[in-house]
Amino acid sequence: KVLHLPKQVRNVIKCKNPRCITSIEQ
């Protein structure tokens, strides 16, 4: 299998912006 950078990642990186909706909505 040849790997590529994925176009989208889900629940791998956490947003560091404290005002981001993902920081508020668990």
PDB file of all heavy atoms in Angstrom:
ATOM      1  N   LYS A   1       0.846  -1.195   0.000  1.00  0.00           N
ATOM      2  CA  LYS A   1       0.000   0.000   0.000  1.00  0.00           C
ATOM      3  C   LYS A   1       0.878   1.239   0.000  1.00  0.00           C
ATOM      4  O   LYS A   1       1.844   1.326   0.747  1.00  0.00           O
ATOM      5  CB  LYS A   1      -0.900   0.039   1.247  1.00  0.00           C
ATOM      6  CG  LYS A   1      -1.896  -1.087   1.329  1.00  0.00           C
ATOM      7  CD  LYS A   1      -3.071  -0.786   0.469  1.00  0.00           C
ATOM      8  CE  LYS A   1      -4.128  -1.864   0.680  1.00  0.00           C
ATOM      9  NZ  LYS A   1      -5.189  -1.785  -0.273  1.00  0.00           N
ATOM     10  N   VAL A   2       0.516   2.179  -0.840  1.00  0.00           N
ATOM     11  CA  VAL A   2       1.204   3.465  -0.880  1.00  0.00           C
ATOM     12  C   VAL A   2       0.385   4.432  -0.039  1.00  0.00           C
ATOM     13  O   VAL A   2      -0.829   4.551  -0.211  1.00  0.00           O
ATOM     14  CB  VAL A   2       1.316   3.985  -2.331  1.00  0.00           C
ATOM     15  CG1 VAL A   2       1.948   5.360  -2.368  1.00  0.00           C
ATOM     16  CG2 VAL A   2       2.093   2.998  -3.179  1.00  0.00           C
ATOM     17  N   LEU A   3       1.041   5.096   0.890  1.00  0.00           N
ATOM     18  CA  LEU A   3       0.356   6.040   1.761  1.00  0.00           C
ATOM     19  C   LEU A   3       0.411   7.446   1.179  1.00  0.00           C
ATOM     20  O   LEU A   3       1.364   7.807   0.493  1.00  0.00           O
ATOM     21  CB  LEU A   3       1.005   6.034   3.145  1.00  0.00           C
ATOM     22  CG  LEU A   3       0.968   4.706   3.891  1.00  0.00           C
ATOM     23  CD1 LEU A   3       1.710   4.827   5.208  1.00  0.00           C
ATOM     24  CD2 LEU A   3      -0.459   4.252   4.127  1.00  0.00           C
ATOM     25  N   HIS A   4      -0.605   8.217   1.469  1.00  0.00           N
ATOM     26  CA  HIS A   4      -0.683   9.613   1.061  1.00  0.00           C
ATOM     27  C   HIS A   4      -1.109  10.432   2.269  1.00  0.00           C
ATOM     28  O   HIS A   4      -1.701   9.905   3.205  1.00  0.00           O
ATOM     29  CB  HIS A   4      -1.719   9.800  -0.057  1.00  0.00           C
ATOM     30  CG  HIS A   4      -1.460   8.962  -1.259  1.00  0.00           C
ATOM     31  ND1 HIS A   4      -0.508   9.283  -2.192  1.00  0.00           N
ATOM     32  CD2 HIS A   4      -2.017   7.804  -1.674  1.00  0.00           C
ATOM     33  CE1 HIS A   4      -0.502   8.364  -3.144  1.00  0.00           C
ATOM     34  NE2 HIS A   4      -1.398   7.444  -2.841  1.00  0.00           N
ATOM     35  N   LEU A   5      -0.813  11.708   2.221  1.00  0.00           N
ATOM     36  CA  LEU A   5      -1.357  12.585   3.251  1.00  0.00           C
ATOM     37  C   LEU A   5      -2.872  12.585   3.085  1.00  0.00           C
ATOM     38  O   LEU A   5      -3.376  12.824   1.986  1.00  0.00           O
ATOM     39  CB  LEU A   5      -0.844  14.019   3.066  1.00  0.00           C
ATOM     40  CG  LEU A   5       0.535  14.327   3.593  1.00  0.00           C
ATOM     41  CD1 LEU A   5       0.965  15.716   3.150  1.00  0.00           C
ATOM     42  CD2 LEU A   5       0.584  14.221   5.089  1.00  0.00           C
ATOM     43  N   PRO A   6      -3.621  12.298   4.139  1.00  0.00           N
ATOM     44  CA  PRO A   6      -5.074  12.302   4.002  1.00  0.00           C
ATOM     45  C   PRO A   6      -5.601  13.722   3.813  1.00  0.00           C
ATOM     46  O   PRO A   6      -5.037  14.677   4.348  1.00  0.00           O
ATOM     47  CB  PRO A   6      -5.560  11.699   5.319  1.00  0.00           C
ATOM     48  CG  PRO A   6      -4.452  11.910   6.275  1.00  0.00           C
ATOM     49  CD  PRO A   6      -3.192  11.929   5.473  1.00  0.00           C
ATOM     50  N   LYS A   7      -6.651  13.862   3.045  1.00  0.00           N
ATOM     51  CA  LYS A   7      -7.265  15.174   2.803  1.00  0.00           C
ATOM     52  C   LYS A   7      -7.918  15.702   4.074  1.00  0.00           C
ATOM     53  O   LYS A   7      -8.069  16.905   4.250  1.00  0.00           O
ATOM     54  CB  LYS A   7      -8.309  15.097   1.680  1.00  0.00           C
ATOM     55  CG  LYS A   7      -7.736  14.647   0.360  1.00  0.00           C
ATOM     56  CD  LYS A   7      -6.801  15.671  -0.210  1.00  0.00           C
ATOM     57  CE  LYS A   7      -6.269  15.219  -1.558  1.00  0.00           C
ATOM     58  NZ  LYS A   7      -5.020  15.811  -1.911  1.00  0.00           N
ATOM     59  N   GLN A   8      -8.317  14.775   4.945  1.00  0.00           N
ATOM     60  CA  GLN A   8      -8.994  15.154   6.183  1.00  0.00           C
ATOM     61  C   GLN A   8      -8.639  14.154   7.273  1.00  0.00           C
ATOM     62  O   GLN A   8      -8.525  12.969   6.995  1.00  0.00           O
ATOM     63  CB  GLN A   8     -10.503  15.154   5.935  1.00  0.00           C
ATOM     64  CG  GLN A   8     -11.359  15.405   7.132  1.00  0.00           C
ATOM     65  CD  GLN A   8     -12.826  15.447   6.763  1.00  0.00           C
ATOM     66  OE1 GLN A   8     -13.242  16.302   6.011  1.00  0.00           O
ATOM     67  NE2 GLN A   8     -13.600  14.511   7.269  1.00  0.00           N
ATOM     68  N   VAL A   9      -8.440  14.629   8.486  1.00  0.00           N
ATOM     69  CA  VAL A   9      -8.222  13.742   9.623  1.00  0.00           C
ATOM     70  C   VAL A   9      -9.264  14.058  10.690  1.00  0.00           C
ATOM     71  O   VAL A   9      -9.582  15.221  10.936  1.00  0.00           O
ATOM     72  CB  VAL A   9      -6.788  13.838  10.205  1.00  0.00           C
ATOM     73  CG1 VAL A   9      -5.784  13.227   9.263  1.00  0.00           C
ATOM     74  CG2 VAL A   9      -6.398  15.241  10.543  1.00  0.00           C
ATOM     75  N   ARG A  10      -9.786  13.000  11.284  1.00  0.00           N
ATOM     76  CA  ARG A  10     -10.843  13.138  12.271  1.00  0.00           C
ATOM     77  C   ARG A  10     -10.364  12.575  13.609  1.00  0.00           C
ATOM     78  O   ARG A  10      -9.940  11.426  13.683  1.00  0.00           O
ATOM     79  CB  ARG A  10     -12.079  12.378  11.783  1.00  0.00           C
ATOM     80  CG  ARG A  10     -13.296  12.464  12.643  1.00  0.00           C
ATOM     81  CD  ARG A  10     -14.435  11.665  12.033  1.00  0.00           C
ATOM     82  NE  ARG A  10     -14.782  12.158  10.709  1.00  0.00           N
ATOM     83  CZ  ARG A  10     -15.775  13.021  10.472  1.00  0.00           C
ATOM     84  NH1 ARG A  10     -16.506  13.472  11.442  1.00  0.00           N
ATOM     85  NH2 ARG A  10     -16.012  13.404   9.244  1.00  0.00           N
ATOM     86  N   ASN A  11     -10.417  13.412  14.634  1.00  0.00           N
ATOM     87  CA  ASN A  11     -10.055  13.026  16.005  1.00  0.00           C
ATOM     88  C   ASN A  11      -8.613  12.540  16.144  1.00  0.00           C
ATOM     89  O   ASN A  11      -8.325  11.659  16.934  1.00  0.00           O
ATOM     90  CB  ASN A  11     -11.034  11.977  16.543  1.00  0.00           C
ATOM     91  CG  ASN A  11     -12.441  12.516  16.614  1.00  0.00           C
ATOM     92  OD1 ASN A  11     -12.654  13.687  16.890  1.00  0.00           O
ATOM     93  ND2 ASN A  11     -13.412  11.670  16.328  1.00  0.00           N
ATOM     94  N   VAL A  12      -7.719  13.140  15.356  1.00  0.00           N
ATOM     95  CA  VAL A  12      -6.294  12.845  15.447  1.00  0.00           C
ATOM     96  C   VAL A  12      -5.573  14.063  16.026  1.00  0.00           C
ATOM     97  O   VAL A  12      -4.711  13.937  16.867  1.00  0.00           O
ATOM     98  CB  VAL A  12      -5.710  12.480  14.068  1.00  0.00           C
ATOM     99  CG1 VAL A  12      -4.209  12.271  14.137  1.00  0.00           C
ATOM    100  CG2 VAL A  12      -6.390  11.241  13.516  1.00  0.00           C
ATOM    101  N   ILE A  13      -5.959  15.250  15.556  1.00  0.00           N
ATOM    102  CA  ILE A  13      -5.389  16.509  16.023  1.00  0.00           C
ATOM    103  C   ILE A  13      -6.446  17.187  16.896  1.00  0.00           C
ATOM    104  O   ILE A  13      -7.628  17.151  16.572  1.00  0.00           O
ATOM    105  CB  ILE A  13      -5.069  17.444  14.833  1.00  0.00           C
ATOM    106  CG1 ILE A  13      -4.252  16.733  13.767  1.00  0.00           C
ATOM    107  CG2 ILE A  13      -4.384  18.704  15.313  1.00  0.00           C
ATOM    108  CD1 ILE A  13      -4.167  17.498  12.456  1.00  0.00           C
ATOM    109  N   LYS A  14      -6.007  17.814  17.970  1.00  0.00           N
ATOM    110  CA  LYS A  14      -6.928  18.598  18.796  1.00  0.00           C
ATOM    111  C   LYS A  14      -6.710  20.072  18.504  1.00  0.00           C
ATOM    112  O   LYS A  14      -5.581  20.535  18.452  1.00  0.00           O
ATOM    113  CB  LYS A  14      -6.686  18.335  20.279  1.00  0.00           C
ATOM    114  CG  LYS A  14      -7.123  16.960  20.707  1.00  0.00           C
ATOM    115  CD  LYS A  14      -7.146  16.873  22.214  1.00  0.00           C
ATOM    116  CE  LYS A  14      -7.581  15.495  22.607  1.00  0.00           C
ATOM    117  NZ  LYS A  14      -8.859  15.441  23.186  1.00  0.00           N
ATOM    118  N   CYS A  15      -7.807  20.798  18.319  1.00  0.00           N
ATOM    119  CA  CYS A  15      -7.730  22.228  18.053  1.00  0.00           C
ATOM    120  C   CYS A  15      -7.270  22.943  19.317  1.00  0.00           C
ATOM    121  O   CYS A  15      -7.789  22.702  20.405  1.00  0.00           O
ATOM    122  CB  CYS A  15      -9.083  22.765  17.592  1.00  0.00           C
ATOM    123  SG  CYS A  15      -8.980  24.478  17.044  1.00  0.00           S
ATOM    124  N   LYS A  16      -6.295  23.828  19.151  1.00  0.00           N
ATOM    125  CA  LYS A  16      -5.738  24.561  20.295  1.00  0.00           C
ATOM    126  C   LYS A  16      -6.445  25.892  20.532  1.00  0.00           C
ATOM    127  O   LYS A  16      -6.160  26.571  21.505  1.00  0.00           O
ATOM    128  CB  LYS A  16      -4.244  24.794  20.075  1.00  0.00           C
ATOM    129  CG  LYS A  16      -3.465  23.500  20.102  1.00  0.00           C
ATOM    130  CD  LYS A  16      -1.997  23.731  19.918  1.00  0.00           C
ATOM    131  CE  LYS A  16      -1.278  22.398  19.954  1.00  0.00           C
ATOM    132  NZ  LYS A  16       0.134  22.520  19.702  1.00  0.00           N
ATOM    133  N   ASN A  17      -7.357  26.259  19.650  1.00  0.00           N
ATOM    134  CA  ASN A  17      -8.087  27.512  19.806  1.00  0.00           C
ATOM    135  C   ASN A  17      -9.126  27.342  20.924  1.00  0.00           C
ATOM    136  O   ASN A  17     -10.066  26.563  20.788  1.00  0.00           O
ATOM    137  CB  ASN A  17      -8.779  27.871  18.492  1.00  0.00           C
ATOM    138  CG  ASN A  17      -9.563  29.152  18.554  1.00  0.00           C
ATOM    139  OD1 ASN A  17      -9.698  29.767  19.609  1.00  0.00           O
ATOM    140  ND2 ASN A  17     -10.096  29.562  17.412  1.00  0.00           N
ATOM    141  N   PRO A  18      -8.992  28.083  22.039  1.00  0.00           N
ATOM    142  CA  PRO A  18      -9.935  27.918  23.145  1.00  0.00           C
ATOM    143  C   PRO A  18     -11.353  28.372  22.811  1.00  0.00           C
ATOM    144  O   PRO A  18     -12.302  27.975  23.488  1.00  0.00           O
ATOM    145  CB  PRO A  18      -9.328  28.777  24.263  1.00  0.00           C
ATOM    146  CG  PRO A  18      -8.414  29.732  23.586  1.00  0.00           C
ATOM    147  CD  PRO A  18      -7.964  29.065  22.310  1.00  0.00           C
ATOM    148  N   ARG A  19     -11.511  29.165  21.748  1.00  0.00           N
ATOM    149  CA  ARG A  19     -12.849  29.626  21.357  1.00  0.00           C
ATOM    150  C   ARG A  19     -13.476  28.733  20.287  1.00  0.00           C
ATOM    151  O   ARG A  19     -14.605  28.969  19.871  1.00  0.00           O
ATOM    152  CB  ARG A  19     -12.773  31.061  20.865  1.00  0.00           C
ATOM    153  CG  ARG A  19     -12.362  31.990  21.992  1.00  0.00           C
ATOM    154  CD  ARG A  19     -12.414  33.438  21.637  1.00  0.00           C
ATOM    155  NE  ARG A  19     -12.470  33.737  20.228  1.00  0.00           N
ATOM    156  CZ  ARG A  19     -12.081  34.869  19.697  1.00  0.00           C
ATOM    157  NH1 ARG A  19     -11.595  35.795  20.449  1.00  0.00           N
ATOM    158  NH2 ARG A  19     -12.162  35.070  18.408  1.00  0.00           N
ATOM    159  N   CYS A  20     -12.772  27.707  19.836  1.00  0.00           N
ATOM    160  CA  CYS A  20     -13.307  26.791  18.820  1.00  0.00           C
ATOM    161  C   CYS A  20     -14.474  26.007  19.404  1.00  0.00           C
ATOM    162  O   CYS A  20     -14.469  25.636  20.582  1.00  0.00           O
ATOM    163  CB  CYS A  20     -12.219  25.828  18.343  1.00  0.00           C
ATOM    164  SG  CYS A  20     -12.794  24.669  17.079  1.00  0.00           S
ATOM    165  N   ILE A  21     -15.477  25.744  18.587  1.00  0.00           N
ATOM    166  CA  ILE A  21     -16.660  24.993  19.027  1.00  0.00           C
ATOM    167  C   ILE A  21     -16.286  23.604  19.550  1.00  0.00           C
ATOM    168  O   ILE A  21     -16.929  23.079  20.453  1.00  0.00           O
ATOM    169  CB  ILE A  21     -17.712  24.901  17.888  1.00  0.00           C
ATOM    170  CG1 ILE A  21     -19.017  24.273  18.372  1.00  0.00           C
ATOM    171  CG2 ILE A  21     -17.192  24.091  16.711  1.00  0.00           C
ATOM    172  CD1 ILE A  21     -19.925  25.216  19.049  1.00  0.00           C
ATOM    173  N   THR A  22     -15.188  23.027  19.020  1.00  0.00           N
ATOM    174  CA  THR A  22     -14.786  21.696  19.473  1.00  0.00           C
ATOM    175  C   THR A  22     -14.226  21.724  20.887  1.00  0.00           C
ATOM    176  O   THR A  22     -14.171  20.696  21.547  1.00  0.00           O
ATOM    177  CB  THR A  22     -13.738  21.074  18.526  1.00  0.00           C
ATOM    178  OG1 THR A  22     -12.588  21.910  18.480  1.00  0.00           O
ATOM    179  CG2 THR A  22     -14.305  20.889  17.127  1.00  0.00           C
ATOM    180  N   SER A  23     -13.806  22.894  21.361  1.00  0.00           N
ATOM    181  CA  SER A  23     -13.333  23.020  22.743  1.00  0.00           C
ATOM    182  C   SER A  23     -14.497  23.102  23.717  1.00  0.00           C
ATOM    183  O   SER A  23     -14.368  22.769  24.890  1.00  0.00           O
ATOM    184  CB  SER A  23     -12.473  24.286  22.900  1.00  0.00           C
ATOM    185  OG  SER A  23     -11.357  24.222  22.075  1.00  0.00           O
ATOM    186  N   ILE A  24     -15.649  23.548  23.223  1.00  0.00           N
ATOM    187  CA  ILE A  24     -16.832  23.732  24.066  1.00  0.00           C
ATOM    188  C   ILE A  24     -17.738  22.509  24.013  1.00  0.00           C
ATOM    189  O   ILE A  24     -18.181  22.001  25.034  1.00  0.00           O
ATOM    190  CB  ILE A  24     -17.610  24.990  23.614  1.00  0.00           C
ATOM    191  CG1 ILE A  24     -16.691  26.213  23.719  1.00  0.00           C
ATOM    192  CG2 ILE A  24     -18.878  25.168  24.421  1.00  0.00           C
ATOM    193  CD1 ILE A  24     -17.184  27.413  22.943  1.00  0.00           C
ATOM    194  N   GLU A  25     -18.023  22.021  22.807  1.00  0.00           N
ATOM    195  CA  GLU A  25     -18.907  20.868  22.607  1.00  0.00           C
ATOM    196  C   GLU A  25     -18.107  19.580  22.719  1.00  0.00           C
ATOM    197  O   GLU A  25     -17.331  19.261  21.827  1.00  0.00           O
ATOM    198  CB  GLU A  25     -19.585  20.940  21.237  1.00  0.00           C
ATOM    199  CG  GLU A  25     -20.524  22.096  21.066  1.00  0.00           C
ATOM    200  CD  GLU A  25     -21.771  21.970  21.917  1.00  0.00           C
ATOM    201  OE1 GLU A  25     -22.218  20.832  22.188  1.00  0.00           O
ATOM    202  OE2 GLU A  25     -22.301  23.017  22.335  1.00  0.00           O
ATOM    203  N   GLN A  26     -18.288  18.845  23.784  1.00  0.00           N
ATOM    204  CA  GLN A  26     -17.489  17.645  24.055  1.00  0.00           C
ATOM    205  C   GLN A  26     -17.682  16.532  23.032  1.00  0.00           C
ATOM    206  O   GLN A  26     -16.756  15.821  22.715  1.00  0.00           O
ATOM    207  CB  GLN A  26     -17.791  17.117  25.464  1.00  0.00           C
ATOM    208  CG  GLN A  26     -17.448  18.093  26.563  1.00  0.00           C
ATOM    209  CD  GLN A  26     -15.988  18.482  26.574  1.00  0.00           C
ATOM    210  OE1 GLN A  26     -15.119  17.668  26.320  1.00  0.00           O
ATOM    211  NE2 GLN A  26     -15.696  19.750  26.843  1.00  0.00           N
TER     212      GLN A  26
END
